[in-house]
Amino acid sequence: MAAPASLLPLISSAGLWLGGSLVVGALANQLPLAWLSARPAAASPALLAARLEAYQRLMKIRQWKHWMPDAGNALPGGITKASLARRDQPALLRLLAETRRAELVHWALWPLWLLTLLWLPGPGVALNAMFATLFNLPCLLLQRYNRLRLQLLLARRTPALSAPANRPPR
């Protein structure tokens, strides 16, 4: 049974977001961990704590973060970012890299709404742009917040790593 023509914009948009999410996620899942590994934070624990506090105060992330889905382990080899199963330095560094992977995914997904310019009228394009923003912006903010939390935890555990003089060259 064919879908009524009035549902085609909705079905095509849903297909774009579902298909695009799967493709972008699968491609990001193939990125080597070395490409995502971040150097330890150059900032002091006090500065990292201040940045984290700003995220908490301005964005109220702690109030809504539990509502966010975590698809980190949806693909083979992925890991969930919702909890810290292990707190040793290699596990924290891996989780730090995974926050970068998740952020890349959401930056890559955000502009998919532009494709709807090819087949949707203006209001449909605007609706997809709003969806892209409402879907990706909170995820991006949450990944930045999580990265700050991990950097702070690592900096407090290994203060020598957070000192600017000990940073690896760029």
N, C-alpha and C. Protein backbone atom coordinates (compact mmCIF):
# COMPACT_ATOMS: atom_id res chain seq x y z
N MET A 1 0.84 -1.17 0.00
CA MET A 1 0.00 0.00 0.00
C MET A 1 0.89 1.24 0.00
N ALA A 2 0.68 2.12 -0.91
CA ALA A 2 1.49 3.32 -1.05
C ALA A 2 1.05 4.37 -0.03
N ALA A 3 2.03 5.13 0.44
CA ALA A 3 1.73 6.21 1.38
C ALA A 3 1.06 7.35 0.63
N PRO A 4 0.10 8.00 1.26
CA PRO A 4 -0.52 9.17 0.62
C PRO A 4 0.54 10.24 0.33
N ALA A 5 0.34 10.98 -0.73
CA ALA A 5 1.30 12.01 -1.14
C ALA A 5 1.55 13.02 -0.03
N SER A 6 0.57 13.26 0.80
CA SER A 6 0.74 14.24 1.88
C SER A 6 1.75 13.77 2.93
N LEU A 7 1.99 12.46 3.00
CA LEU A 7 2.95 11.93 3.98
C LEU A 7 4.37 11.84 3.42
N LEU A 8 4.54 12.02 2.12
CA LEU A 8 5.86 11.87 1.52
C LEU A 8 6.90 12.83 2.09
N PRO A 9 6.58 14.11 2.32
CA PRO A 9 7.60 14.98 2.94
C PRO A 9 8.04 14.47 4.31
N LEU A 10 7.09 14.00 5.11
CA LEU A 10 7.42 13.48 6.43
C LEU A 10 8.27 12.22 6.33
N ILE A 11 7.88 11.32 5.46
CA ILE A 11 8.61 10.06 5.29
C ILE A 11 10.01 10.32 4.74
N SER A 12 10.11 11.24 3.78
CA SER A 12 11.42 11.53 3.20
C SER A 12 12.33 12.20 4.23
N SER A 13 11.80 13.07 5.04
CA SER A 13 12.61 13.72 6.07
C SER A 13 13.05 12.70 7.13
N ALA A 14 12.13 11.85 7.55
CA ALA A 14 12.48 10.81 8.53
C ALA A 14 13.54 9.88 7.96
N GLY A 15 13.40 9.53 6.68
CA GLY A 15 14.40 8.69 6.03
C GLY A 15 15.77 9.36 5.98
N LEU A 16 15.76 10.66 5.69
CA LEU A 16 17.02 11.41 5.65
C LEU A 16 17.70 11.35 7.02
N TRP A 17 16.96 11.62 8.08
CA TRP A 17 17.57 11.67 9.41
C TRP A 17 17.98 10.29 9.90
N LEU A 18 17.17 9.28 9.64
CA LEU A 18 17.54 7.93 10.05
C LEU A 18 18.72 7.42 9.24
N GLY A 19 18.62 7.53 7.93
CA GLY A 19 19.71 7.06 7.07
C GLY A 19 20.99 7.85 7.29
N GLY A 20 20.86 9.16 7.37
CA GLY A 20 22.03 10.00 7.60
C GLY A 20 22.70 9.69 8.92
N SER A 21 21.91 9.47 9.95
CA SER A 21 22.47 9.15 11.27
C SER A 21 23.23 7.83 11.23
N LEU A 22 22.67 6.85 10.54
CA LEU A 22 23.34 5.55 10.44
C LEU A 22 24.65 5.66 9.65
N VAL A 23 24.62 6.39 8.54
CA VAL A 23 25.82 6.52 7.71
C VAL A 23 26.90 7.30 8.46
N VAL A 24 26.53 8.45 9.00
CA VAL A 24 27.52 9.28 9.72
C VAL A 24 28.06 8.52 10.93
N GLY A 25 27.19 7.86 11.67
CA GLY A 25 27.64 7.09 12.83
C GLY A 25 28.57 5.96 12.44
N ALA A 26 28.24 5.25 11.37
CA ALA A 26 29.10 4.15 10.91
C ALA A 26 30.46 4.67 10.45
N LEU A 27 30.47 5.79 9.73
CA LEU A 27 31.74 6.36 9.29
C LEU A 27 32.57 6.84 10.48
N ALA A 28 31.93 7.50 11.42
CA ALA A 28 32.65 7.97 12.61
C ALA A 28 33.19 6.81 13.43
N ASN A 29 32.46 5.72 13.43
CA ASN A 29 32.88 4.53 14.18
C ASN A 29 34.17 3.94 13.60
N GLN A 30 34.46 4.25 12.33
CA GLN A 30 35.66 3.74 11.68
C GLN A 30 36.89 4.62 11.89
N LEU A 31 36.68 5.82 12.45
CA LEU A 31 37.82 6.71 12.67
C LEU A 31 38.78 6.07 13.67
N PRO A 32 40.06 6.09 13.36
CA PRO A 32 41.03 5.52 14.31
C PRO A 32 41.02 6.31 15.63
N LEU A 33 41.17 5.58 16.71
CA LEU A 33 41.16 6.20 18.03
C LEU A 33 42.27 7.24 18.15
N ALA A 34 43.39 7.01 17.48
CA ALA A 34 44.51 7.97 17.55
C ALA A 34 44.10 9.34 17.00
N TRP A 35 43.19 9.37 16.03
CA TRP A 35 42.74 10.65 15.47
C TRP A 35 41.88 11.42 16.46
N LEU A 36 41.28 10.70 17.37
CA LEU A 36 40.35 11.32 18.32
C LEU A 36 40.97 11.59 19.68
N SER A 37 42.12 11.01 19.91
CA SER A 37 42.76 11.16 21.21
C SER A 37 43.20 12.59 21.42
N ALA A 38 42.80 13.13 22.53
CA ALA A 38 43.12 14.52 22.86
C ALA A 38 44.32 14.55 23.78
N ARG A 39 45.09 15.59 23.65
CA ARG A 39 46.15 15.83 24.61
C ARG A 39 45.49 16.19 25.94
N PRO A 40 46.18 15.92 27.02
CA PRO A 40 45.62 16.36 28.31
C PRO A 40 45.39 17.87 28.30
N ALA A 41 44.43 18.29 29.05
CA ALA A 41 44.08 19.72 29.08
C ALA A 41 45.26 20.56 29.54
N ALA A 42 45.46 21.67 28.86
CA ALA A 42 46.54 22.58 29.23
C ALA A 42 46.13 23.48 30.38
N ALA A 43 44.86 23.53 30.67
CA ALA A 43 44.35 24.42 31.71
C ALA A 43 44.54 23.81 33.10
N SER A 44 44.58 24.65 34.06
CA SER A 44 44.69 24.19 35.45
C SER A 44 43.35 23.60 35.89
N PRO A 45 43.40 22.75 36.93
CA PRO A 45 42.13 22.23 37.44
C PRO A 45 41.16 23.34 37.85
N ALA A 46 41.68 24.44 38.37
CA ALA A 46 40.80 25.55 38.77
C ALA A 46 40.09 26.15 37.57
N LEU A 47 40.81 26.33 36.46
CA LEU A 47 40.20 26.89 35.25
C LEU A 47 39.18 25.91 34.66
N LEU A 48 39.52 24.62 34.63
CA LEU A 48 38.58 23.62 34.13
C LEU A 48 37.32 23.59 34.99
N ALA A 49 37.51 23.68 36.31
CA ALA A 49 36.35 23.68 37.22
C ALA A 49 35.49 24.91 36.98
N ALA A 50 36.10 26.05 36.70
CA ALA A 50 35.34 27.27 36.43
C ALA A 50 34.55 27.13 35.12
N ARG A 51 35.16 26.55 34.11
CA ARG A 51 34.45 26.34 32.83
C ARG A 51 33.28 25.38 33.03
N LEU A 52 33.53 24.32 33.78
CA LEU A 52 32.47 23.35 34.05
C LEU A 52 31.33 24.00 34.81
N GLU A 53 31.64 24.82 35.77
CA GLU A 53 30.62 25.53 36.54
C GLU A 53 29.81 26.45 35.63
N ALA A 54 30.48 27.09 34.67
CA ALA A 54 29.77 27.97 33.73
C ALA A 54 28.77 27.16 32.89
N TYR A 55 29.17 25.99 32.43
CA TYR A 55 28.24 25.13 31.68
C TYR A 55 27.05 24.76 32.56
N GLN A 56 27.33 24.42 33.81
CA GLN A 56 26.24 24.01 34.70
C GLN A 56 25.31 25.19 34.99
N ARG A 57 25.89 26.36 35.21
CA ARG A 57 25.08 27.53 35.57
C ARG A 57 24.30 28.07 34.37
N LEU A 58 24.97 28.21 33.22
CA LEU A 58 24.33 28.83 32.06
C LEU A 58 23.42 27.89 31.28
N MET A 59 23.82 26.64 31.16
CA MET A 59 23.07 25.70 30.32
C MET A 59 22.16 24.77 31.12
N LYS A 60 22.35 24.75 32.43
CA LYS A 60 21.55 23.87 33.30
C LYS A 60 21.63 22.41 32.84
N ILE A 61 22.80 22.00 32.39
CA ILE A 61 22.96 20.67 31.80
C ILE A 61 22.59 19.57 32.78
N ARG A 62 22.92 19.73 34.03
CA ARG A 62 22.61 18.68 35.00
C ARG A 62 21.11 18.41 35.11
N GLN A 63 20.30 19.40 34.76
CA GLN A 63 18.85 19.24 34.87
C GLN A 63 18.25 18.45 33.70
N TRP A 64 18.92 18.44 32.54
CA TRP A 64 18.32 17.78 31.39
C TRP A 64 19.17 16.67 30.78
N LYS A 65 20.41 16.52 31.23
CA LYS A 65 21.29 15.55 30.58
C LYS A 65 20.79 14.11 30.69
N HIS A 66 20.09 13.77 31.74
CA HIS A 66 19.61 12.40 31.91
C HIS A 66 18.52 12.04 30.88
N TRP A 67 17.96 13.03 30.21
CA TRP A 67 16.94 12.77 29.19
C TRP A 67 17.56 12.45 27.83
N MET A 68 18.85 12.67 27.70
CA MET A 68 19.51 12.49 26.41
C MET A 68 19.83 11.03 26.16
N PRO A 69 19.51 10.52 24.97
CA PRO A 69 19.89 9.14 24.65
C PRO A 69 21.39 9.05 24.41
N ASP A 70 21.93 7.87 24.60
CA ASP A 70 23.35 7.63 24.35
C ASP A 70 23.46 6.47 23.38
N ALA A 71 23.83 6.78 22.16
CA ALA A 71 23.96 5.74 21.13
C ALA A 71 25.42 5.33 20.95
N GLY A 72 26.26 5.63 21.93
CA GLY A 72 27.68 5.32 21.83
C GLY A 72 27.98 3.87 21.59
N ASN A 73 27.16 2.98 22.12
CA ASN A 73 27.42 1.56 21.93
C ASN A 73 26.46 0.92 20.91
N ALA A 74 25.84 1.75 20.08
CA ALA A 74 24.90 1.23 19.09
C ALA A 74 25.61 0.47 17.96
N LEU A 75 26.84 0.84 17.70
CA LEU A 75 27.62 0.19 16.64
C LEU A 75 28.73 -0.64 17.27
N PRO A 76 29.18 -1.68 16.58
CA PRO A 76 30.25 -2.53 17.14
C PRO A 76 31.49 -1.72 17.50
N GLY A 77 32.02 -1.98 18.69
CA GLY A 77 33.23 -1.30 19.14
C GLY A 77 32.97 0.00 19.86
N GLY A 78 31.74 0.49 19.81
CA GLY A 78 31.42 1.74 20.49
C GLY A 78 31.27 1.53 21.98
N ILE A 79 31.34 2.63 22.71
CA ILE A 79 31.14 2.55 24.16
C ILE A 79 30.16 3.62 24.59
N THR A 80 29.44 3.32 25.63
CA THR A 80 28.48 4.27 26.15
C THR A 80 29.21 5.37 26.92
N LYS A 81 28.72 6.58 26.79
CA LYS A 81 29.33 7.70 27.47
C LYS A 81 28.51 8.13 28.69
N ALA A 82 27.48 7.38 28.99
CA ALA A 82 26.56 7.77 30.06
C ALA A 82 27.12 7.50 31.45
N SER A 83 28.06 6.60 31.56
CA SER A 83 28.58 6.29 32.89
C SER A 83 30.05 5.92 32.80
N LEU A 84 30.70 6.05 33.91
CA LEU A 84 32.11 5.67 34.00
C LEU A 84 32.19 4.29 34.64
N ALA A 85 32.38 3.27 33.82
CA ALA A 85 32.49 1.92 34.37
C ALA A 85 33.84 1.75 35.07
N ARG A 86 34.88 2.34 34.47
CA ARG A 86 36.22 2.28 35.05
C ARG A 86 36.74 3.70 35.17
N ARG A 87 37.57 3.91 36.16
CA ARG A 87 38.08 5.27 36.40
C ARG A 87 39.61 5.34 36.31
N ASP A 88 40.22 4.33 35.67
CA ASP A 88 41.66 4.39 35.49
C ASP A 88 41.97 5.31 34.31
N GLN A 89 43.21 5.78 34.23
CA GLN A 89 43.57 6.78 33.23
C GLN A 89 43.31 6.31 31.78
N PRO A 90 43.68 5.08 31.39
CA PRO A 90 43.39 4.67 30.01
C PRO A 90 41.89 4.69 29.68
N ALA A 91 41.06 4.28 30.62
CA ALA A 91 39.61 4.28 30.39
C ALA A 91 39.09 5.71 30.26
N LEU A 92 39.61 6.61 31.09
CA LEU A 92 39.17 8.01 31.02
C LEU A 92 39.63 8.66 29.71
N LEU A 93 40.84 8.34 29.28
CA LEU A 93 41.32 8.89 28.01
C LEU A 93 40.52 8.35 26.84
N ARG A 94 40.11 7.08 26.91
CA ARG A 94 39.27 6.51 25.85
C ARG A 94 37.92 7.20 25.82
N LEU A 95 37.34 7.42 26.98
CA LEU A 95 36.06 8.10 27.07
C LEU A 95 36.18 9.54 26.56
N LEU A 96 37.29 10.18 26.84
CA LEU A 96 37.55 11.53 26.34
C LEU A 96 37.56 11.52 24.80
N ALA A 97 38.21 10.52 24.22
CA ALA A 97 38.23 10.40 22.76
C ALA A 97 36.83 10.14 22.21
N GLU A 98 36.04 9.36 22.92
CA GLU A 98 34.68 9.06 22.46
C GLU A 98 33.78 10.30 22.52
N THR A 99 34.06 11.22 23.44
CA THR A 99 33.28 12.46 23.44
C THR A 99 33.60 13.27 22.18
N ARG A 100 34.84 13.19 21.73
CA ARG A 100 35.21 13.88 20.49
C ARG A 100 34.53 13.22 19.29
N ARG A 101 34.46 11.88 19.29
CA ARG A 101 33.79 11.17 18.20
C ARG A 101 32.31 11.57 18.15
N ALA A 102 31.67 11.58 19.31
CA ALA A 102 30.25 11.94 19.36
C ALA A 102 30.04 13.38 18.90
N GLU A 103 30.94 14.26 19.28
CA GLU A 103 30.81 15.65 18.85
C GLU A 103 30.95 15.75 17.32
N LEU A 104 31.90 15.03 16.76
CA LEU A 104 32.06 15.03 15.30
C LEU A 104 30.80 14.52 14.60
N VAL A 105 30.20 13.49 15.16
CA VAL A 105 28.96 12.95 14.58
C VAL A 105 27.89 14.02 14.53
N HIS A 106 27.71 14.73 15.62
CA HIS A 106 26.63 15.72 15.67
C HIS A 106 26.95 16.95 14.82
N TRP A 107 28.22 17.31 14.70
CA TRP A 107 28.56 18.40 13.77
C TRP A 107 28.29 17.98 12.33
N ALA A 108 28.55 16.71 12.02
CA ALA A 108 28.32 16.22 10.66
C ALA A 108 26.83 16.05 10.36
N LEU A 109 26.04 15.72 11.36
CA LEU A 109 24.60 15.54 11.15
C LEU A 109 23.86 16.87 11.00
N TRP A 110 24.30 17.87 11.69
CA TRP A 110 23.57 19.14 11.73
C TRP A 110 23.24 19.68 10.34
N PRO A 111 24.18 19.75 9.40
CA PRO A 111 23.86 20.36 8.10
C PRO A 111 23.06 19.47 7.15
N LEU A 112 22.68 18.27 7.57
CA LEU A 112 21.87 17.42 6.68
C LEU A 112 20.56 18.08 6.26
N TRP A 113 20.06 18.98 7.07
CA TRP A 113 18.80 19.65 6.73
C TRP A 113 18.92 20.37 5.39
N LEU A 114 20.13 20.77 5.01
CA LEU A 114 20.31 21.47 3.74
C LEU A 114 19.87 20.62 2.55
N LEU A 115 19.98 19.31 2.69
CA LEU A 115 19.55 18.43 1.60
C LEU A 115 18.05 18.54 1.33
N THR A 116 17.28 18.91 2.33
CA THR A 116 15.84 19.02 2.13
C THR A 116 15.48 20.18 1.21
N LEU A 117 16.43 21.07 0.94
CA LEU A 117 16.21 22.14 -0.04
C LEU A 117 15.91 21.56 -1.43
N LEU A 118 16.37 20.32 -1.65
CA LEU A 118 16.20 19.69 -2.96
C LEU A 118 14.76 19.25 -3.23
N TRP A 119 13.95 18.99 -2.20
CA TRP A 119 12.61 18.47 -2.45
C TRP A 119 11.49 19.05 -1.60
N LEU A 120 11.82 19.79 -0.57
CA LEU A 120 10.75 20.31 0.29
C LEU A 120 10.52 21.80 0.04
N PRO A 121 9.30 22.24 0.24
CA PRO A 121 9.04 23.69 0.18
C PRO A 121 9.64 24.35 1.43
N GLY A 122 9.70 25.68 1.40
CA GLY A 122 10.33 26.45 2.47
C GLY A 122 9.94 26.06 3.89
N PRO A 123 8.64 25.93 4.19
CA PRO A 123 8.28 25.56 5.57
C PRO A 123 8.84 24.20 5.99
N GLY A 124 8.90 23.25 5.06
CA GLY A 124 9.46 21.93 5.37
C GLY A 124 10.96 22.01 5.63
N VAL A 125 11.64 22.84 4.85
CA VAL A 125 13.07 23.04 5.05
C VAL A 125 13.30 23.69 6.42
N ALA A 126 12.50 24.70 6.74
CA ALA A 126 12.64 25.38 8.03
C ALA A 126 12.39 24.41 9.19
N LEU A 127 11.40 23.55 9.04
CA LEU A 127 11.11 22.56 10.06
C LEU A 127 12.28 21.60 10.25
N ASN A 128 12.90 21.18 9.15
CA ASN A 128 14.06 20.30 9.24
C ASN A 128 15.26 21.01 9.86
N ALA A 129 15.44 22.29 9.56
CA ALA A 129 16.53 23.06 10.17
C ALA A 129 16.32 23.17 11.67
N MET A 130 15.07 23.40 12.08
CA MET A 130 14.78 23.46 13.52
C MET A 130 15.01 22.10 14.17
N PHE A 131 14.59 21.04 13.51
CA PHE A 131 14.81 19.70 14.04
C PHE A 131 16.30 19.43 14.19
N ALA A 132 17.08 19.77 13.17
CA ALA A 132 18.52 19.55 13.22
C ALA A 132 19.15 20.28 14.40
N THR A 133 18.70 21.49 14.64
CA THR A 133 19.24 22.27 15.75
C THR A 133 18.80 21.68 17.08
N LEU A 134 17.53 21.38 17.22
CA LEU A 134 17.03 20.84 18.49
C LEU A 134 17.58 19.46 18.79
N PHE A 135 17.93 18.71 17.74
CA PHE A 135 18.46 17.37 17.91
C PHE A 135 19.96 17.40 18.20
N ASN A 136 20.71 18.28 17.56
CA ASN A 136 22.16 18.23 17.64
C ASN A 136 22.77 19.20 18.66
N LEU A 137 22.21 20.37 18.83
CA LEU A 137 22.80 21.35 19.74
C LEU A 137 22.91 20.83 21.18
N PRO A 138 21.86 20.25 21.75
CA PRO A 138 22.01 19.72 23.11
C PRO A 138 23.08 18.62 23.19
N CYS A 139 23.18 17.80 22.16
CA CYS A 139 24.19 16.74 22.15
C CYS A 139 25.60 17.33 22.11
N LEU A 140 25.78 18.36 21.30
CA LEU A 140 27.08 19.02 21.24
C LEU A 140 27.45 19.65 22.59
N LEU A 141 26.50 20.33 23.19
CA LEU A 141 26.75 20.94 24.50
C LEU A 141 27.08 19.89 25.55
N LEU A 142 26.36 18.79 25.51
CA LEU A 142 26.59 17.72 26.48
C LEU A 142 27.96 17.08 26.29
N GLN A 143 28.39 16.91 25.04
CA GLN A 143 29.71 16.33 24.82
C GLN A 143 30.81 17.27 25.29
N ARG A 144 30.64 18.56 25.09
CA ARG A 144 31.62 19.53 25.59
C ARG A 144 31.65 19.50 27.12
N TYR A 145 30.49 19.42 27.72
CA TYR A 145 30.38 19.35 29.18
C TYR A 145 31.07 18.08 29.70
N ASN A 146 30.78 16.95 29.07
CA ASN A 146 31.39 15.69 29.49
C ASN A 146 32.91 15.74 29.32
N ARG A 147 33.37 16.35 28.23
CA ARG A 147 34.81 16.47 28.00
C ARG A 147 35.46 17.29 29.12
N LEU A 148 34.82 18.39 29.50
CA LEU A 148 35.34 19.20 30.61
C LEU A 148 35.40 18.38 31.90
N ARG A 149 34.37 17.62 32.16
CA ARG A 149 34.35 16.79 33.37
C ARG A 149 35.51 15.80 33.37
N LEU A 150 35.73 15.16 32.22
CA LEU A 150 36.82 14.18 32.12
C LEU A 150 38.18 14.86 32.22
N GLN A 151 38.33 16.01 31.57
CA GLN A 151 39.59 16.73 31.64
C GLN A 151 39.89 17.15 33.08
N LEU A 152 38.87 17.60 33.78
CA LEU A 152 39.06 17.99 35.18
C LEU A 152 39.46 16.79 36.02
N LEU A 153 38.80 15.68 35.83
CA LEU A 153 39.13 14.47 36.58
C LEU A 153 40.57 14.04 36.30
N LEU A 154 40.95 14.05 35.03
CA LEU A 154 42.33 13.69 34.67
C LEU A 154 43.34 14.69 35.22
N ALA A 155 43.03 15.97 35.17
CA ALA A 155 43.95 17.00 35.66
C ALA A 155 44.14 16.88 37.17
N ARG A 156 43.10 16.54 37.87
CA ARG A 156 43.22 16.39 39.33
C ARG A 156 44.01 15.14 39.70
N ARG A 157 43.95 14.12 38.86
CA ARG A 157 44.68 12.89 39.12
C ARG A 157 46.15 13.01 38.76
N THR A 158 46.43 13.74 37.69
CA THR A 158 47.80 13.87 37.21
C THR A 158 48.10 15.34 36.98
N PRO A 159 48.36 16.09 38.04
CA PRO A 159 48.56 17.53 37.89
C PRO A 159 49.70 17.88 36.94
N ALA A 160 50.72 17.05 36.85
CA ALA A 160 51.84 17.37 35.96
C ALA A 160 51.40 17.40 34.50
N LEU A 161 50.39 16.60 34.14
CA LEU A 161 49.91 16.59 32.76
C LEU A 161 49.18 17.86 32.39
N SER A 162 48.62 18.54 33.38
CA SER A 162 47.85 19.72 33.06
C SER A 162 48.69 20.99 33.04
N ALA A 163 49.95 20.90 33.42
CA ALA A 163 50.81 22.07 33.42
C ALA A 163 51.21 22.40 31.99
N PRO A 164 51.12 23.67 31.58
CA PRO A 164 51.45 24.05 30.19
C PRO A 164 52.85 23.66 29.78
N ALA A 165 53.84 23.68 30.70
CA ALA A 165 55.22 23.37 30.32
C ALA A 165 55.38 21.92 29.90
N ASN A 166 54.49 21.04 30.33
CA ASN A 166 54.61 19.62 30.03
C ASN A 166 53.74 19.18 28.87
N ARG A 167 53.12 20.11 28.19
CA ARG A 167 52.26 19.75 27.06
C ARG A 167 53.11 19.26 25.90
N PRO A 168 52.63 18.24 25.19
CA PRO A 168 53.35 17.82 23.98
C PRO A 168 53.31 18.93 22.92
N PRO A 169 54.30 18.98 22.06
CA PRO A 169 54.28 20.02 21.02
C PRO A 169 53.13 19.80 20.06
N ARG A 170 52.65 20.89 19.48
CA ARG A 170 51.52 20.82 18.54
C ARG A 170 51.98 20.54 17.15
